[in-house]
Every structure is written in structure tokens, then in C-alpha cells.
Protein backbone atom coordinates (compact mmCIF):
# COMPACT_ATOMS: atom_id res chain seq x y z
CA UNK A 1 -0.01 0.21 0.06
CA UNK A 2 1.33 3.20 -0.85
CA UNK A 3 2.74 6.27 1.54
CA UNK A 4 -0.65 8.40 0.70
CA UNK A 5 -3.97 5.08 0.46
CA UNK A 6 -2.39 4.56 4.06
CA UNK A 7 -2.79 8.32 5.51
CA UNK A 8 -5.73 8.40 3.49
CA UNK A 9 -6.87 4.76 5.51
CA UNK A 10 -5.36 5.64 9.06
CA UNK A 11 -7.90 9.24 8.83
CA UNK A 12 -10.83 7.21 7.24
CA UNK A 13 -10.87 4.94 10.75
CA UNK A 14 -10.56 8.19 12.77
CA UNK A 15 -13.05 10.33 10.82
CA UNK A 16 -15.69 8.86 13.36
CA UNK A 17 -13.52 10.39 16.27
CA UNK A 18 -12.21 13.25 15.23
CA UNK A 19 -16.21 14.22 14.52
CA UNK A 20 -17.33 13.21 18.25
CA UNK A 21 -14.44 15.91 19.70
CA UNK A 22 -15.34 18.40 17.02
CA UNK A 23 -18.75 18.37 17.41
CA UNK A 24 -18.71 18.12 21.24
CA UNK A 25 -16.39 21.32 20.91
CA UNK A 26 -19.05 23.11 18.30
CA UNK A 27 -22.47 21.56 19.34
CA UNK A 28 -23.05 22.39 15.77
CA UNK A 29 -22.74 19.18 12.96
CA UNK A 30 -22.32 20.88 9.57
CA UNK A 31 -19.45 23.25 12.10
CA UNK A 32 -17.77 20.16 12.86
CA UNK A 33 -17.50 18.02 9.59
CA UNK A 34 -16.45 21.49 7.85
CA UNK A 35 -13.49 21.02 10.79
CA UNK A 36 -12.68 17.25 9.67
CA UNK A 37 -12.19 18.53 6.25
CA UNK A 38 -9.55 21.26 7.15
CA UNK A 39 -8.27 18.31 9.40
CA UNK A 40 -8.22 15.81 6.51
CA UNK A 41 -6.73 18.74 4.75
CA UNK A 42 -3.31 19.21 6.87
CA UNK A 43 -2.93 15.66 7.50
CA UNK A 44 -2.52 15.50 3.84
CA UNK A 45 -0.11 17.85 3.47
CA UNK A 46 1.88 16.58 6.63
CA UNK A 47 5.39 14.90 7.02
CA UNK A 48 3.64 11.78 7.98
CA UNK A 49 6.48 9.75 8.18
CA UNK A 50 7.74 10.98 11.27
CA UNK A 51 4.11 10.95 12.86
CA UNK A 52 4.32 8.63 15.77
CA UNK A 53 1.29 8.75 16.93
CA UNK A 54 -1.21 9.45 13.74
CA UNK A 55 -4.27 9.37 16.49
CA UNK A 56 -2.81 11.83 18.92
CA UNK A 57 -1.76 14.67 15.99
CA UNK A 58 -4.94 14.20 14.58
CA UNK A 59 -6.35 14.53 17.94
CA UNK A 60 -4.68 18.20 17.92
CA UNK A 61 -5.50 19.33 15.23
CA UNK A 62 -8.70 18.85 14.88
CA UNK A 63 -8.66 20.77 19.10
CA UNK A 64 -6.56 23.66 16.80
CA UNK A 65 -8.67 23.81 14.74
CA UNK A 66 -11.93 24.05 17.60
CA UNK A 67 -10.20 26.53 19.12
CA UNK A 68 -10.24 28.96 16.09
CA UNK A 69 -13.53 27.96 15.78
CA UNK A 70 -14.94 28.46 18.72
CA UNK A 71 -13.74 32.39 18.49
CA UNK A 72 -16.17 32.95 15.71
CA UNK A 73 -18.86 30.57 17.59
CA UNK A 74 -19.15 32.95 20.80
CA UNK A 75 -19.65 35.64 18.41
CA UNK A 76 -22.56 34.30 16.86
CA UNK A 77 -24.15 33.11 20.12
CA UNK A 78 -23.18 36.88 21.44
CA UNK A 79 -26.48 38.06 18.87
CA UNK A 80 -28.88 34.64 18.13
CA UNK A 81 -32.34 34.99 18.08
CA UNK A 82 -33.90 33.10 21.80
CA UNK A 83 -32.09 29.27 23.79
CA UNK A 84 -29.47 27.96 21.95
CA UNK A 85 -29.42 24.57 21.93
CA UNK A 86 -27.09 21.74 20.27
CA UNK A 87 -27.70 20.00 16.68
CA UNK A 88 -29.31 17.43 17.54
CA UNK A 89 -27.69 13.65 17.57
CA UNK A 90 -30.95 11.61 17.13
CA UNK A 91 -30.92 7.88 17.58
CA UNK A 92 -33.49 5.69 16.81
CA UNK A 93 -32.00 2.54 18.22
CA UNK A 94 -32.68 2.92 22.34
CA UNK A 95 -29.30 1.10 23.33
CA UNK A 96 -27.13 3.70 20.82
CA UNK A 97 -29.32 6.66 22.37
CA UNK A 98 -28.82 5.44 25.87
CA UNK A 99 -24.38 4.82 25.24
CA UNK A 100 -24.16 8.99 23.83
CA UNK A 101 -26.42 9.69 26.94
CA UNK A 102 -23.55 9.95 29.15
CA UNK A 103 -21.48 12.62 27.08
CA UNK A 104 -23.70 14.28 24.38
CA UNK A 105 -26.58 14.66 26.38
CA UNK A 106 -27.86 18.47 26.00
CA UNK A 107 -27.17 19.66 29.65
CA UNK A 108 -23.76 18.47 29.14
CA UNK A 109 -23.23 20.34 25.90
CA UNK A 110 -25.18 23.24 27.13
CA UNK A 111 -22.67 23.04 30.47
CA UNK A 112 -19.52 22.80 28.17
CA UNK A 113 -20.53 25.84 26.20
CA UNK A 114 -20.16 27.87 29.40
CA UNK A 115 -16.72 26.53 30.00
CA UNK A 116 -13.93 29.27 28.29
CA UNK A 117 -12.45 27.32 25.05
CA UNK A 118 -9.08 26.12 26.92
CA UNK A 119 -11.25 24.56 30.06
CA UNK A 120 -13.19 22.64 27.31
CA UNK A 121 -10.13 21.40 25.16
CA UNK A 122 -9.09 20.47 28.54
CA UNK A 123 -11.68 18.79 29.53
CA UNK A 124 -12.20 17.00 26.27
CA UNK A 125 -9.07 15.63 25.35
CA UNK A 126 -8.50 15.09 28.76
CA UNK A 127 -11.16 13.77 30.79
CA UNK A 128 -13.46 12.47 27.15
CA UNK A 129 -10.71 11.40 24.76
CA UNK A 130 -7.92 10.13 27.23
CA UNK A 131 -5.13 12.10 26.55
CA UNK A 132 -2.53 12.36 28.75
CA UNK A 133 -1.57 15.94 30.51
CA UNK A 134 1.50 16.22 28.37
CA UNK A 135 0.05 15.89 25.59
CA UNK A 136 -2.46 18.46 26.16
CA UNK A 137 -0.49 20.95 27.01
CA UNK A 138 1.62 20.18 23.84
CA UNK A 139 -1.38 21.37 21.94
CA UNK A 140 -2.81 24.37 24.19
CA UNK A 141 0.84 25.27 24.53
CA UNK A 142 0.27 25.35 28.42
CA UNK A 143 2.76 23.75 30.93
CA UNK A 144 0.71 19.84 32.22
CA UNK A 145 0.28 21.84 35.84
CA UNK A 146 -1.75 24.28 33.88
CA UNK A 147 -4.13 21.82 32.09
CA UNK A 148 -4.34 20.13 35.24
CA UNK A 149 -5.93 23.23 36.97
CA UNK A 150 -8.42 23.69 33.69
CA UNK A 151 -9.30 20.11 32.86
CA UNK A 152 -10.27 20.11 36.93
CA UNK A 153 -12.47 23.18 36.98
CA UNK A 154 -13.92 22.28 34.14
CA UNK A 155 -14.80 19.38 35.46
CA UNK A 156 -16.13 20.92 38.66
CA UNK A 157 -19.01 23.05 36.18
CA UNK A 158 -19.88 20.01 34.18
CA UNK A 159 -19.67 17.16 36.41
CA UNK A 160 -23.95 18.44 37.94
CA UNK A 161 -25.03 17.40 34.03
CA UNK A 162 -24.25 14.12 33.76
CA UNK A 163 -27.09 12.29 34.20
CA UNK A 164 -27.18 10.87 38.21
CA UNK A 165 -30.34 8.28 37.09
CA UNK A 166 -29.97 7.37 33.46
CA UNK A 167 -33.33 6.40 32.67
CA UNK A 168 -33.91 2.79 31.27
CA UNK A 169 -34.88 2.52 26.95
CA UNK A 170 -39.01 1.73 28.29
CA UNK A 171 -39.05 3.87 30.96
CA UNK A 172 -37.82 7.34 28.56
CA UNK A 173 -39.88 5.64 26.15
CA UNK A 174 -43.66 5.17 28.10
CA UNK A 175 -43.26 8.88 29.85
CA UNK A 176 -41.94 10.77 26.08
CA UNK A 177 -45.25 8.72 24.07
CA UNK A 178 -47.21 10.07 27.71
CA UNK A 179 -45.89 13.10 27.03
CA UNK A 180 -47.01 12.96 23.15
CA UNK A 181 -49.93 12.22 23.85
CA UNK A 182 -50.84 14.64 26.68
CA UNK A 183 -49.14 17.78 24.32
CA UNK A 184 -51.59 16.44 21.74
CA UNK A 185 -54.95 16.57 23.49
CA UNK A 186 -54.19 20.00 25.23
CA UNK A 187 -54.46 18.02 28.99
CA UNK A 188 -52.70 20.47 31.38
CA UNK A 189 -53.77 18.47 33.72
CA UNK A 190 -51.98 15.63 32.42
CA UNK A 191 -49.10 17.74 31.32
CA UNK A 192 -48.57 18.92 34.91
CA UNK A 193 -48.42 15.48 36.25
CA UNK A 194 -45.60 14.38 33.89
CA UNK A 195 -43.44 17.37 35.00
CA UNK A 196 -41.47 18.26 38.51
CA UNK A 197 -41.82 21.04 40.07
CA UNK A 198 -39.21 23.12 38.30
CA UNK A 199 -39.25 22.41 35.24
CA UNK A 200 -37.65 23.69 32.11
CA UNK A 201 -38.14 24.32 28.31
CA UNK A 202 -35.26 25.46 25.95
CA UNK A 203 -36.71 26.15 22.23
CA UNK A 204 -34.70 26.60 19.65
CA UNK A 205 -35.77 28.00 16.77
CA UNK A 206 -31.97 30.49 15.64
CA UNK A 207 -35.38 33.20 14.55
CA UNK A 208 -36.08 31.13 11.08
CA UNK A 209 -39.34 29.32 12.77
CA UNK A 210 -41.57 30.85 15.69
CA UNK A 211 -39.96 29.59 18.87
CA UNK A 212 -40.49 30.38 22.66
CA UNK A 213 -37.59 33.32 22.96
CA UNK A 214 -37.03 32.84 26.63
CA UNK A 215 -36.74 29.37 28.80
CA UNK A 216 -40.22 28.86 30.22
CA UNK A 217 -40.10 27.48 33.70
CA UNK A 218 -42.02 26.05 36.44
CA UNK A 219 -44.32 22.98 35.83
CA UNK A 220 -47.64 25.15 35.69
CA UNK A 221 -46.29 27.53 32.75
CA UNK A 222 -44.77 24.51 30.82
CA UNK A 223 -47.71 22.79 31.03
CA UNK A 224 -50.03 25.80 30.14
CA UNK A 225 -47.53 25.81 27.27
CA UNK A 226 -48.20 22.46 25.50
CA UNK A 227 -51.81 22.88 26.18
CA UNK A 228 -51.42 25.97 24.44
CA UNK A 229 -49.90 24.51 21.41
CA UNK A 230 -51.52 21.10 21.23
CA UNK A 231 -55.23 23.11 21.35
CA UNK A 232 -53.27 24.88 18.45
CA UNK A 233 -51.61 22.02 16.25
CA UNK A 234 -51.59 21.63 12.97
CA UNK A 235 -53.08 18.26 11.62
CA UNK A 236 -50.93 15.32 9.63
CA UNK A 237 -47.55 15.34 12.13
CA UNK A 238 -46.03 12.36 12.45
CA UNK A 239 -44.38 11.52 15.58
CA UNK A 240 -41.49 9.17 15.60
CA UNK A 241 -39.92 7.92 18.42
CA UNK A 242 -35.56 8.57 19.13
CA UNK A 243 -33.36 9.30 21.86
CA UNK A 244 -32.01 12.03 20.54
CA UNK A 245 -28.53 13.19 22.46
CA UNK A 246 -29.31 10.20 24.48
CA UNK A 247 -32.63 11.81 25.96
CA UNK A 248 -36.35 10.49 25.12
CA UNK A 249 -38.14 11.94 22.78
CA UNK A 250 -39.29 11.95 19.40
CA UNK A 251 -39.06 13.78 16.01
CA UNK A 252 -42.17 15.83 14.08
CA UNK A 253 -42.01 15.88 10.86
CA UNK A 254 -45.33 18.34 9.80
CA UNK A 255 -46.82 18.96 7.03
CA UNK A 256 -45.50 21.67 5.11
CA UNK A 257 -42.21 20.28 5.43
CA UNK A 258 -40.69 21.20 8.51
CA UNK A 259 -39.07 19.53 11.53
CA UNK A 260 -38.43 20.02 15.10
CA UNK A 261 -36.57 16.87 17.77
CA UNK A 262 -38.44 17.00 21.42
CA UNK A 263 -35.80 15.63 24.06
CA UNK A 264 -36.82 14.91 27.08
CA UNK A 265 -34.38 14.64 30.53
CA UNK A 266 -36.32 13.19 33.36
CA UNK A 267 -35.30 12.70 36.66
CA UNK A 268 -37.34 10.17 39.58
CA UNK A 269 -39.91 9.59 37.08
CA UNK A 270 -40.97 13.21 36.06
CA UNK A 271 -39.29 15.82 32.93
CA UNK A 272 -37.05 17.95 34.16
CA UNK A 273 -35.87 19.79 30.81
CA UNK A 274 -37.38 19.90 27.55
CA UNK A 275 -35.35 20.87 25.10
CA UNK A 276 -36.90 21.83 21.47
CA UNK A 277 -34.76 21.98 17.96
CA UNK A 278 -36.41 24.45 15.33
CA UNK A 279 -33.98 26.02 13.91
CA UNK A 280 -33.98 24.10 9.88
CA UNK A 281 -29.85 24.71 9.51
CA UNK A 282 -29.91 22.25 12.48
CA UNK A 283 -32.06 20.27 11.40
CA UNK A 284 -31.13 19.45 7.64
CA UNK A 285 -30.00 15.72 8.01
CA UNK A 286 -33.96 15.02 9.12
CA UNK A 287 -35.48 16.58 6.24
CA UNK A 288 -36.34 15.21 2.86
């Protein structure tokens, strides 16, 4: 096998892992793909004969590209209309969905958004992708001691966002189905019985489609919000049960061709958070 072919084969094998790192950095599927493509161009133009650890080398490339991308991403967030949510990662297989829950749950992705870029990089590279502190330090241009502190601070911020009591596939699908039926019927009382007292709704329309521009907080307010939607709902909805960023929920397709995802964060049998993504730019992979 030629050197070029071997290099391409190595990159293809690592592509899912590189894309996973970029998505966790950026929360955007399309931006992650762009970063991975840019990493390929750098890998293709590198002196691969001097690279002893291809995986570590490419992870470092992706991390640096993501740090550059975060600068512009943060500027975009400042003018974003309404709550920002990560692009949904949709699985129809409950086991695959649960496997994703630990490190791409919406709560964790939002917690990563609150970290500084360097904290996010240290946490992802060391805690999630297993790179050593010295390797991370070389990537970030910091000392190993500084990187250890960055990762420690990040860990403190995100620990509460990790699922403490993962819901079983059966319970998750049951609660998601009951929630959908209660919304469709416009039954505020039934919705209230499914929601935690401090439940919150976050809807991401990005200013492109109608969506709540502020979080809706509290059991009664969230119940009334969805009951109102149910009473005004358009006909012909197609609801597909799914696991979205490791959370039970469903993908809804409307007659006009628009799509939305709804993910439910469940704890102790009650829904603590509802995450709705309606921004078409984040749903391109689900359209058609």
C-alpha cells in the first residue's frame, strides 16, 4: 500500500472519533464536518513519515481548529435569537441512544458552552478522549500543571450536568409517549403530572421559525404552554420516537415539510427539562 493510501486509510478509520471531538467542542454537526475536512487537508499535506501517533496528531489538529472556530462561534452566540441548543444527534435504537447519553446529553453540551475554550479543550481531550496532560499541554501551549487545573475547573462545572439516574429505554419511551399524548390532547393537568416542579422548556428556533425566545420555567407554565400548543396544533403530524442526544423524545414532521426534535430530560420518573430544536439549519439531516 502506498504512503498516500495508508494515510487516507488511517484518516478514514479515525474520522468518526475526530467528528465526535469536533461536535463536542462546537455543538454543530455541520461545523464539525467542516473542521474534520480541514483536518484532512492538513493531514494530507503533512510529513506523515515523522508522525508516530496518528490518532494523537489528528486529535491535536482538530482541537486547534475547533479553538479557532470557537472564537467566531461565540460571536454568533451573542446575537443568536432565543435559547441556543446543540444540533440534535438522533438515534432510533434505544441502546445506541443511551450510549450517547453520558457525553452528548443536552445538559452536558450546554455546560460545556459555559466553559472557557481552554477549559473545554482540556476537559474534552483529557477526560473524554483520554489524552495525557503533557499531550494536552503541547496542544494548548500551556504547562501540564496549568492543563491539570483547567481540566479540574471544567470537571467541577460539568459534573452536575452528567445524568445521575439514567432512564431505562422502556421508561423513557413510556414517558415520552405519555407526554406526546398529553400535548396532543391539550390536557394541562395530565402534562402537569408528568413534569417536575422546576421543569424548564428551552426551544431553539434561531430566529428562523416560531419558537419561544425565552426559557419557560416551572411545572404550571410549561404545562400551560404545551396545552396551548396542543389546542392549536396543525393536523397531519408524524411523530417518530427517538433518542436525541441520549434523551428519550421524538422527531416530529409537519405537513409543510418542517421538522422539529423534542428531547426530554427525565429524573425520578418526572420530566425536568424539555429541549425543542426547530431551527432548520440544525435539522437538515432529518429533512427530506
